[in-house]
Amino acid sequence: MTYEDINQLIADNDIEVIRVVFNDITNVSRARNIPVKHFQEIVMQKGVQYPSAMLSVDTSANFVLAAGAGFAGGYGSWLLKIDPETFRIRIIPWAKKSARVIADLYTLEEVPVPVAPRSVFQRVLQELDKEGLAAYGAAELEFYIFKQYDEHGFDPTWTGLQCYSEIKQGEIDEILYQIVSGLAAVGIHVEAANTEYGPGQFEVSINPAWGIAQADVAFTLKTAIKEMMAQQGLLATFMTKPLTGLSGSGSHFHHSLYHKATGQNALFDPEDAYGLSDLAKHFIAGQLHHAKATSALANPTINSYHRLRPYTFAPSNVTWGLENRMCMIRIPGARGQGTHIENRLPGADNNPYLMMAAIYAAGLDGIRRQLPVPPPVENEDAYAKSDVSSLPKSLGEALEALNQDEVLVNLLGPEFVQAFTALKTHEINRFTDHVSDWEVKEYRELF
């Protein structure tokens, strides 16, 4: 899309305000709202300044000095700059005369900021490009929608545990219509939407996209659903485990690789017993090899690790299998140009740029080093396997694995890993200092 295309879109739709947005390290969507005249005259080509301090802010809006230059650095400005070659400016049907465009973060000297999540993913995509490979995929997102949220708890929009339930349609018809039609209006094409295995839980499957658009779409989808539901007095949450003892929300990542020279699926081999190429097996092996480190980015909150439990349809160990939803990596039955991998490790609360960057980087290392893939799980209980590694059981364990993984640190960028670790360590420390309701109920009267 050119600048002229954007100007025409603005004129055709009587747009008055443009949101310039990006997804920060802790997965918070940040925005500057720009009047259309200033956007067209200045921001569209030159960008808009943005305080660098905001990439040193944790999930509770605390400034974490170790995540950046700290106060000694003065917290100067950076630039949010749109890229018309890769971005799409979309009309926001639920916001009056508004449009939205995703931006990259640059220094004032117009150098990409190395810790910005979108830049991290772009660097990994560039490494895939060096191998002649193009990335194609989509996140399959689960989430809860509640009628109310206050100190007294949650009131789900539908009751029960029935996945794909038609009898619940009367309770959720309007919600599903708003989600499907609203996402279509911002260029996200839904393949299917349905109830999931928790009261008030939903799942949305979307069309795959190429390159950076894979993460752009997931980022936009989350923001769109939260905004559309908020306008109805509802709360949509991509928190991984909002309800104790009930289903967690995942962000299963369906993805594939294609040879850029031929356009052919790089994961398919019709002569192989599993229909998988050697490249596919190395790609899988890399994801298995780096799974513990990848978990820090695929499951980036303390809450995330309540989901990774046996017999929950979420993985608890490092396994792969054909059409096996108990494994970390499932290979769906499609072959030929449709051959792809489903990585079931990610929770719904991740930053999609970082999650996808980590998974592709892990697989890329497998390809470059031609790592051997272990046998798939067949005709046995994946959760009961004793000869495989367990996934991290906490964010702290995952962070330790990430920082010890030199390959991923180098592919994602040492500056980024340092900033991410500082923010998440601060989050863990705040959690450790907090006395939980469970502790009070368990011990206060007893002792």
Protein backbone atom coordinates (compact mmCIF):
# COMPACT_ATOMS: atom_id res chain seq x y z
CA MET A 1 0.00 0.00 0.00
CA THR A 2 1.38 3.40 -1.00
CA TYR A 3 0.98 6.76 0.74
CA GLU A 4 -1.43 7.67 -2.06
CA ASP A 5 -3.53 4.58 -1.27
CA ILE A 6 -3.68 5.58 2.39
CA ASN A 7 -4.75 9.12 1.52
CA GLN A 8 -7.48 7.77 -0.74
CA LEU A 9 -8.72 5.44 1.99
CA ILE A 10 -8.84 8.34 4.44
CA ALA A 11 -10.81 10.49 1.98
CA ASP A 12 -13.24 7.73 0.96
CA ASN A 13 -14.13 6.94 4.57
CA ASP A 14 -14.15 10.46 6.04
CA ILE A 15 -11.46 9.53 8.57
CA GLU A 16 -10.62 12.15 11.21
CA VAL A 17 -8.31 10.31 13.62
CA ILE A 18 -5.53 7.78 13.00
CA ARG A 19 -4.27 5.48 15.70
CA VAL A 20 -0.56 4.76 15.36
CA VAL A 21 0.01 1.60 17.41
CA PHE A 22 2.59 -0.98 18.42
CA ASN A 23 2.76 -4.00 20.72
CA ASP A 24 5.26 -3.55 23.55
CA ILE A 25 7.55 -6.10 25.18
CA THR A 26 5.00 -7.05 27.85
CA ASN A 27 2.22 -7.47 25.24
CA VAL A 28 0.44 -4.20 25.98
CA SER A 29 -0.97 -2.42 22.93
CA ARG A 30 0.24 1.21 22.90
CA ALA A 31 -1.21 3.97 20.72
CA ARG A 32 -0.90 7.62 19.79
CA ASN A 33 -4.05 9.19 18.32
CA ILE A 34 -3.21 11.59 15.51
CA PRO A 35 -5.63 14.05 13.87
CA VAL A 36 -5.81 13.23 10.18
CA LYS A 37 -4.34 16.53 8.95
CA HIS A 38 -1.19 16.14 11.07
CA PHE A 39 -0.97 12.46 10.11
CA GLN A 40 -1.04 13.25 6.39
CA GLU A 41 1.31 16.23 6.58
CA ILE A 42 3.92 14.86 9.00
CA VAL A 43 3.40 11.50 10.68
CA MET A 44 2.67 9.35 7.63
CA GLN A 45 6.19 9.81 6.25
CA LYS A 46 8.26 11.17 9.14
CA GLY A 47 6.73 9.36 12.11
CA VAL A 48 5.68 10.54 15.55
CA GLN A 49 7.86 10.73 18.63
CA TYR A 50 7.33 8.25 21.43
CA PRO A 51 9.02 8.17 24.87
CA SER A 52 11.61 5.39 25.12
CA ALA A 53 10.65 4.94 28.79
CA MET A 54 7.53 3.05 27.73
CA LEU A 55 9.58 -0.01 26.76
CA SER A 56 10.86 -0.15 30.34
CA VAL A 57 7.36 -0.50 31.83
CA ASP A 58 6.12 -3.81 33.24
CA THR A 59 2.58 -5.25 33.32
CA SER A 60 1.69 -3.09 36.34
CA ALA A 61 3.08 0.13 34.80
CA ASN A 62 6.19 0.08 37.00
CA PHE A 63 9.39 1.46 35.49
CA VAL A 64 12.10 -1.22 35.50
CA LEU A 65 15.45 0.52 35.30
CA ALA A 66 17.33 -2.64 34.28
CA ALA A 67 15.17 -2.94 31.14
CA GLY A 68 16.73 0.12 29.52
CA ALA A 69 19.21 2.92 30.02
CA GLY A 70 17.44 3.94 33.24
CA PHE A 71 17.16 7.48 34.50
CA ALA A 72 20.84 8.05 33.74
CA GLY A 73 19.97 7.78 30.07
CA GLY A 74 17.32 10.48 30.35
CA TYR A 75 14.61 8.40 28.64
CA GLY A 76 14.75 10.30 25.37
CA SER A 77 12.35 9.97 22.46
CA TRP A 78 12.09 7.34 19.76
CA LEU A 79 10.02 7.39 16.57
CA LEU A 80 6.92 5.43 15.62
CA LYS A 81 7.09 5.10 11.82
CA ILE A 82 4.58 3.40 9.57
CA ASP A 83 5.80 1.22 6.72
CA PRO A 84 3.32 1.37 3.81
CA GLU A 85 4.93 -1.65 2.14
CA THR A 86 3.99 -4.00 4.96
CA PHE A 87 1.25 -2.25 6.91
CA ARG A 88 -2.41 -1.87 6.17
CA ILE A 89 -4.42 1.02 7.42
CA ARG A 90 -7.83 -0.34 8.38
CA ILE A 91 -11.09 1.37 9.18
CA ILE A 92 -12.23 0.71 12.75
CA PRO A 93 -15.99 0.10 12.45
CA TRP A 94 -16.60 0.38 16.19
CA ALA A 95 -14.68 3.68 16.60
CA LYS A 96 -16.09 6.90 15.16
CA LYS A 97 -14.28 8.12 12.00
CA SER A 98 -11.08 6.36 13.03
CA ALA A 99 -8.45 4.20 11.38
CA ARG A 100 -5.51 2.24 12.76
CA VAL A 101 -2.02 1.56 11.49
CA ILE A 102 0.78 -0.50 13.03
CA ALA A 103 4.18 1.16 13.32
CA ASP A 104 7.80 0.18 13.83
CA LEU A 105 9.96 1.77 16.50
CA TYR A 106 13.11 3.67 15.46
CA THR A 107 15.71 5.83 17.14
CA LEU A 108 15.75 9.52 16.19
CA GLU A 109 18.59 8.57 13.81
CA GLU A 110 16.07 6.20 12.16
CA VAL A 111 17.79 2.99 13.28
CA PRO A 112 15.39 0.17 14.25
CA VAL A 113 15.12 -0.17 18.03
CA PRO A 114 16.56 -3.65 18.73
CA VAL A 115 14.28 -4.42 21.69
CA ALA A 116 11.03 -3.60 19.84
CA PRO A 117 9.05 -6.86 19.38
CA ARG A 118 8.17 -6.24 15.74
CA SER A 119 11.84 -5.61 14.96
CA VAL A 120 12.78 -8.85 16.74
CA PHE A 121 10.44 -10.85 14.51
CA GLN A 122 11.61 -9.01 11.38
CA ARG A 123 15.20 -10.01 12.13
CA VAL A 124 14.22 -13.68 12.39
CA LEU A 125 12.26 -13.46 9.13
CA GLN A 126 15.37 -12.00 7.48
CA GLU A 127 17.35 -15.02 8.67
CA LEU A 128 14.75 -17.34 7.11
CA ASP A 129 15.00 -15.32 3.92
CA LYS A 130 18.74 -16.02 3.80
CA GLU A 131 17.83 -19.71 3.60
CA GLY A 132 15.42 -19.03 0.73
CA LEU A 133 12.40 -19.68 2.95
CA ALA A 134 9.15 -17.77 3.43
CA ALA A 135 7.06 -18.13 6.59
CA TYR A 136 3.28 -18.61 6.44
CA GLY A 137 0.97 -19.14 9.39
CA ALA A 138 -1.72 -18.07 11.82
CA ALA A 139 -2.33 -18.13 15.56
CA GLU A 140 -5.48 -19.98 16.64
CA LEU A 141 -6.67 -18.00 19.64
CA GLU A 142 -8.78 -18.96 22.63
CA PHE A 143 -10.19 -16.42 25.06
CA TYR A 144 -12.91 -15.84 27.65
CA ILE A 145 -15.70 -13.26 27.54
CA PHE A 146 -17.37 -12.29 30.81
CA LYS A 147 -20.45 -10.22 31.56
CA GLN A 148 -18.90 -8.55 34.56
CA TYR A 149 -15.57 -8.35 36.27
CA ASP A 150 -15.20 -6.90 39.74
CA GLU A 151 -13.78 -7.90 43.10
CA HIS A 152 -16.52 -10.51 43.44
CA GLY A 153 -15.49 -12.51 40.40
CA PHE A 154 -16.56 -13.41 36.87
CA ASP A 155 -19.96 -13.92 35.28
CA PRO A 156 -19.50 -15.95 32.05
CA THR A 157 -21.37 -15.07 28.86
CA TRP A 158 -22.43 -18.70 28.50
CA THR A 159 -22.53 -21.58 30.96
CA GLY A 160 -21.30 -25.15 30.80
CA LEU A 161 -18.31 -26.84 29.19
CA GLN A 162 -19.63 -27.86 25.78
CA CYS A 163 -17.15 -27.22 22.95
CA TYR A 164 -18.67 -26.36 19.56
CA SER A 165 -22.10 -26.23 21.20
CA GLU A 166 -25.04 -25.26 18.99
CA ILE A 167 -27.50 -25.31 21.88
CA LYS A 168 -25.58 -22.38 23.41
CA GLN A 169 -26.03 -20.37 20.22
CA GLY A 170 -28.94 -18.41 21.66
CA GLU A 171 -26.71 -17.14 24.46
CA ILE A 172 -23.81 -16.13 22.23
CA ASP A 173 -25.24 -15.42 18.76
CA GLU A 174 -24.76 -11.65 19.00
CA ILE A 175 -21.23 -12.04 20.36
CA LEU A 176 -20.17 -14.37 17.54
CA TYR A 177 -21.75 -12.10 14.93
CA GLN A 178 -19.87 -9.07 16.26
CA ILE A 179 -16.58 -10.95 16.34
CA VAL A 180 -16.84 -12.40 12.83
CA SER A 181 -18.19 -9.25 11.16
CA GLY A 182 -15.98 -6.88 13.13
CA LEU A 183 -12.81 -8.80 12.31
CA ALA A 184 -13.79 -8.98 8.64
CA ALA A 185 -14.14 -5.20 8.63
CA VAL A 186 -10.48 -4.83 9.65
CA GLY A 187 -9.29 -7.36 7.08
CA ILE A 188 -9.15 -10.47 9.27
CA HIS A 189 -10.97 -13.40 7.70
CA VAL A 190 -12.35 -15.86 10.24
CA GLU A 191 -12.39 -19.53 9.19
CA ALA A 192 -14.39 -20.65 12.23
CA ALA A 193 -15.61 -19.35 15.59
CA ASN A 194 -17.11 -21.46 18.35
CA THR A 195 -17.43 -22.13 22.06
CA GLU A 196 -14.51 -23.82 23.80
CA TYR A 197 -14.08 -26.02 26.86
CA GLY A 198 -14.80 -23.44 29.56
CA PRO A 199 -17.79 -21.30 30.62
CA GLY A 200 -17.58 -18.13 28.56
CA GLN A 201 -14.62 -19.45 26.52
CA PHE A 202 -14.39 -19.01 22.75
CA GLU A 203 -12.02 -19.99 19.95
CA VAL A 204 -11.38 -18.17 16.68
CA SER A 205 -9.48 -19.68 13.74
CA ILE A 206 -8.30 -17.27 11.04
CA ASN A 207 -6.74 -17.40 7.58
CA PRO A 208 -2.94 -17.67 7.55
CA ALA A 209 -0.73 -14.81 6.39
CA TRP A 210 2.82 -14.32 5.12
CA GLY A 211 5.79 -12.96 7.04
CA ILE A 212 5.27 -10.18 9.55
CA ALA A 213 1.53 -10.10 8.80
CA GLN A 214 1.15 -13.34 10.79
CA ALA A 215 1.82 -11.40 13.99
CA ASP A 216 0.16 -8.17 12.82
CA VAL A 217 -3.11 -10.06 12.39
CA ALA A 218 -2.93 -11.75 15.82
CA PHE A 219 -2.10 -8.42 17.48
CA THR A 220 -5.02 -6.70 15.74
CA LEU A 221 -7.43 -9.56 16.50
CA LYS A 222 -6.81 -9.37 20.25
CA THR A 223 -7.25 -5.60 20.39
CA ALA A 224 -10.33 -5.69 18.16
CA ILE A 225 -12.14 -8.34 20.20
CA LYS A 226 -11.39 -6.57 23.49
CA GLU A 227 -12.66 -3.24 22.13
CA MET A 228 -15.79 -4.67 20.52
CA MET A 229 -16.76 -6.51 23.70
CA ALA A 230 -16.01 -3.49 25.92
CA GLN A 231 -18.53 -1.48 23.89
CA GLN A 232 -21.15 -4.05 24.93
CA GLY A 233 -20.21 -3.84 28.60
CA LEU A 234 -18.34 -7.16 28.37
CA LEU A 235 -14.78 -8.13 29.24
CA ALA A 236 -12.79 -10.20 26.75
CA THR A 237 -9.60 -11.58 28.24
CA PHE A 238 -6.66 -13.40 26.70
CA MET A 239 -5.30 -14.14 30.18
CA THR A 240 -4.22 -17.76 29.92
CA LYS A 241 -5.90 -19.14 33.05
CA PRO A 242 -8.60 -16.80 34.40
CA LEU A 243 -10.56 -19.53 36.23
CA THR A 244 -9.10 -22.03 38.70
CA GLY A 245 -9.72 -25.64 37.74
CA LEU A 246 -11.13 -24.82 34.31
CA SER A 247 -9.73 -24.75 30.79
CA GLY A 248 -6.81 -22.47 29.98
CA SER A 249 -6.63 -20.42 26.79
CA GLY A 250 -4.02 -21.26 24.20
CA SER A 251 -2.65 -19.59 21.10
CA HIS A 252 -1.76 -22.64 19.01
CA PHE A 253 0.53 -21.56 16.20
CA HIS A 254 -0.15 -23.18 12.81
CA HIS A 255 2.76 -22.44 10.50
CA SER A 256 4.68 -23.63 7.48
CA LEU A 257 7.67 -22.79 5.30
CA TYR A 258 7.76 -22.36 1.53
CA HIS A 259 10.68 -22.29 -0.90
CA LYS A 260 10.81 -18.73 -2.21
CA ALA A 261 12.33 -19.81 -5.52
CA THR A 262 9.57 -22.27 -6.43
CA GLY A 263 6.62 -21.43 -4.17
CA GLN A 264 6.49 -25.07 -3.08
CA ASN A 265 5.79 -26.19 0.47
CA ALA A 266 9.18 -26.91 2.06
CA LEU A 267 7.78 -29.29 4.67
CA PHE A 268 6.24 -31.83 2.28
CA ASP A 269 7.83 -34.96 0.84
CA PRO A 270 5.47 -37.46 -0.85
CA GLU A 271 8.12 -40.20 -0.61
CA ASP A 272 8.43 -40.01 3.18
CA ALA A 273 6.42 -42.35 5.41
CA TYR A 274 4.99 -39.36 7.25
CA GLY A 275 4.85 -37.10 4.19
CA LEU A 276 7.46 -34.83 5.77
CA SER A 277 10.65 -33.54 4.17
CA ASP A 278 14.05 -33.69 5.83
CA LEU A 279 13.82 -29.92 6.23
CA ALA A 280 10.51 -30.36 8.08
CA LYS A 281 12.06 -32.88 10.45
CA HIS A 282 14.98 -30.56 11.20
CA PHE A 283 12.50 -27.70 11.68
CA ILE A 284 10.53 -29.79 14.18
CA ALA A 285 13.73 -30.92 15.91
CA GLY A 286 14.81 -27.31 16.41
CA GLN A 287 11.49 -26.42 18.01
CA LEU A 288 11.78 -29.40 20.34
CA HIS A 289 15.43 -28.65 21.16
CA HIS A 290 14.71 -25.04 22.15
CA ALA A 291 11.26 -25.63 23.68
CA LYS A 292 12.19 -24.68 27.24
CA ALA A 293 13.72 -21.38 26.14
CA THR A 294 10.90 -20.70 23.69
CA SER A 295 8.41 -21.11 26.52
CA ALA A 296 9.55 -17.83 28.07
CA LEU A 297 8.17 -16.00 25.03
CA ALA A 298 5.28 -18.33 24.24
CA ASN A 299 4.12 -18.29 27.88
CA PRO A 300 5.40 -14.95 29.20
CA THR A 301 3.43 -14.51 32.44
CA ILE A 302 3.31 -16.16 35.83
CA ASN A 303 -0.29 -17.17 35.11
CA SER A 304 0.70 -18.91 31.84
CA TYR A 305 2.15 -21.92 33.62
CA HIS A 306 -1.15 -22.97 35.22
CA ARG A 307 -2.15 -24.11 31.71
CA LEU A 308 0.78 -26.46 31.00
CA ARG A 309 -0.58 -29.44 32.91
CA PRO A 310 -1.05 -33.12 31.94
CA TYR A 311 -4.41 -34.26 30.60
CA THR A 312 -5.64 -30.76 29.79
CA PHE A 313 -5.11 -30.73 26.00
CA ALA A 314 -2.12 -28.48 26.68
CA PRO A 315 1.42 -29.88 26.51
CA SER A 316 3.43 -30.65 29.63
CA ASN A 317 6.49 -32.20 28.00
CA VAL A 318 8.59 -31.88 24.85
CA THR A 319 6.95 -34.22 22.33
CA TRP A 320 5.65 -34.33 18.79
CA GLY A 321 3.15 -36.53 17.02
CA LEU A 322 0.89 -36.92 14.01
CA GLU A 323 -2.61 -35.62 14.73
CA ASN A 324 -1.86 -35.85 18.46
CA ARG A 325 -3.31 -33.03 20.56
CA MET A 326 -1.50 -34.22 23.69
CA CYS A 327 1.89 -33.37 22.16
CA MET A 328 3.65 -30.02 22.12
CA ILE A 329 3.91 -30.25 18.34
CA ARG A 330 1.04 -31.73 16.36
CA ILE A 331 1.33 -32.42 12.63
CA PRO A 332 -2.18 -32.03 11.15
CA GLY A 333 -3.24 -34.47 8.44
CA ALA A 334 -3.04 -32.07 5.47
CA ARG A 335 -0.20 -32.73 3.02
CA GLY A 336 1.01 -31.24 -0.23
CA GLN A 337 0.89 -27.44 -0.22
CA GLY A 338 -1.12 -27.60 3.01
CA THR A 339 1.56 -29.38 5.05
CA HIS A 340 2.10 -27.48 8.27
CA ILE A 341 3.00 -27.66 11.94
CA GLU A 342 0.83 -26.80 14.93
CA ASN A 343 2.92 -25.74 17.92
CA ARG A 344 0.60 -26.05 20.94
CA LEU A 345 3.03 -24.55 23.47
CA PRO A 346 1.89 -20.89 23.36
CA GLY A 347 -0.67 -19.50 25.78
CA ALA A 348 -3.11 -16.80 24.75
CA ASP A 349 -1.33 -14.06 26.71
CA ASN A 350 1.84 -13.87 24.60
CA ASN A 351 3.07 -11.08 22.37
CA PRO A 352 2.59 -12.69 18.91
CA TYR A 353 5.69 -11.03 17.45
CA LEU A 354 7.87 -12.55 20.15
CA MET A 355 6.15 -15.93 20.23
CA MET A 356 6.45 -16.37 16.47
CA ALA A 357 10.01 -15.05 16.41
CA ALA A 358 11.06 -17.60 19.03
CA ILE A 359 9.36 -20.56 17.33
CA TYR A 360 10.73 -19.74 13.87
CA ALA A 361 14.20 -19.05 15.32
CA ALA A 362 14.18 -22.41 17.10
CA GLY A 363 13.12 -24.23 13.94
CA LEU A 364 15.66 -22.33 11.86
CA ASP A 365 18.47 -23.51 14.12
CA GLY A 366 17.26 -27.07 13.60
CA ILE A 367 17.44 -26.58 9.83
CA ARG A 368 20.88 -24.97 9.87
CA ARG A 369 22.39 -27.61 12.15
CA GLN A 370 20.33 -30.44 10.64
CA LEU A 371 19.22 -31.58 14.07
CA PRO A 372 17.76 -35.11 14.10
CA VAL A 373 14.13 -35.43 15.11
CA PRO A 374 13.22 -38.09 17.70
CA PRO A 375 10.49 -40.62 16.89
CA PRO A 376 6.95 -39.22 17.09
CA VAL A 377 4.58 -40.28 19.85
CA GLU A 378 2.50 -43.11 18.38
CA ASN A 379 0.01 -45.41 20.09
CA GLU A 380 0.99 -44.27 23.59
CA ASP A 381 0.09 -41.66 26.18
CA ALA A 382 2.19 -38.56 25.47
CA TYR A 383 1.70 -37.31 29.02
CA ALA A 384 3.01 -40.56 30.51
CA LYS A 385 6.28 -40.64 28.53
CA SER A 386 9.27 -40.75 30.85
CA ASP A 387 12.04 -40.51 28.23
CA VAL A 388 11.33 -36.89 27.21
CA SER A 389 12.03 -33.51 28.80
CA SER A 390 9.38 -31.69 30.79
CA LEU A 391 8.37 -28.17 29.84
CA PRO A 392 9.12 -25.39 32.35
CA LYS A 393 6.75 -25.28 35.29
CA SER A 394 7.23 -21.58 35.98
CA LEU A 395 8.16 -18.34 34.27
CA GLY A 396 11.38 -18.22 36.27
CA GLU A 397 12.42 -21.65 34.98
CA ALA A 398 11.64 -20.61 31.40
CA LEU A 399 13.62 -17.36 31.75
CA GLU A 400 16.62 -19.30 33.01
CA ALA A 401 16.40 -21.61 29.99
CA LEU A 402 16.15 -18.65 27.62
CA ASN A 403 19.22 -16.93 29.03
CA GLN A 404 21.23 -20.16 28.81
CA ASP A 405 20.24 -20.71 25.16
CA GLU A 406 22.99 -18.92 23.23
CA VAL A 407 21.46 -19.68 19.83
CA LEU A 408 18.10 -18.11 20.65
CA VAL A 409 19.70 -15.18 22.46
CA ASN A 410 21.76 -14.39 19.36
CA LEU A 411 18.86 -14.82 16.92
CA LEU A 412 16.43 -12.76 18.99
CA GLY A 413 19.07 -10.23 20.01
CA PRO A 414 21.02 -9.98 23.31
CA GLU A 415 19.68 -6.47 24.02
CA PHE A 416 16.12 -7.70 23.65
CA VAL A 417 16.65 -10.77 25.84
CA GLN A 418 18.25 -8.59 28.54
CA ALA A 419 15.32 -6.14 28.53
CA PHE A 420 12.71 -8.91 28.45
CA THR A 421 14.42 -10.75 31.31
CA ALA A 422 14.62 -7.60 33.43
CA LEU A 423 10.91 -6.86 32.98
CA LYS A 424 9.84 -10.42 33.70
CA THR A 425 12.18 -10.81 36.69
CA HIS A 426 10.63 -7.69 38.20
CA GLU A 427 7.18 -9.20 37.59
CA ILE A 428 8.22 -12.42 39.34
CA ASN A 429 9.65 -10.51 42.30
CA ARG A 430 6.43 -8.54 42.73
CA PHE A 431 4.45 -11.78 42.66
CA THR A 432 6.76 -13.43 45.19
CA ASP A 433 6.31 -10.49 47.57
CA HIS A 434 2.51 -10.70 47.36
CA VAL A 435 0.54 -12.63 50.00
CA SER A 436 -2.17 -14.46 48.06
CA ASP A 437 -5.79 -15.09 49.04
CA TRP A 438 -5.02 -18.82 48.98
CA GLU A 439 -2.31 -18.42 51.62
CA VAL A 440 -4.57 -16.37 53.87
CA LYS A 441 -7.46 -18.87 53.61
CA GLU A 442 -5.14 -21.84 54.08
CA TYR A 443 -3.10 -20.68 57.06
CA ARG A 444 -4.60 -17.68 58.88
CA GLU A 445 -6.99 -19.55 61.15
CA LEU A 446 -5.11 -22.85 61.20
CA PHE A 447 -1.94 -21.51 62.76
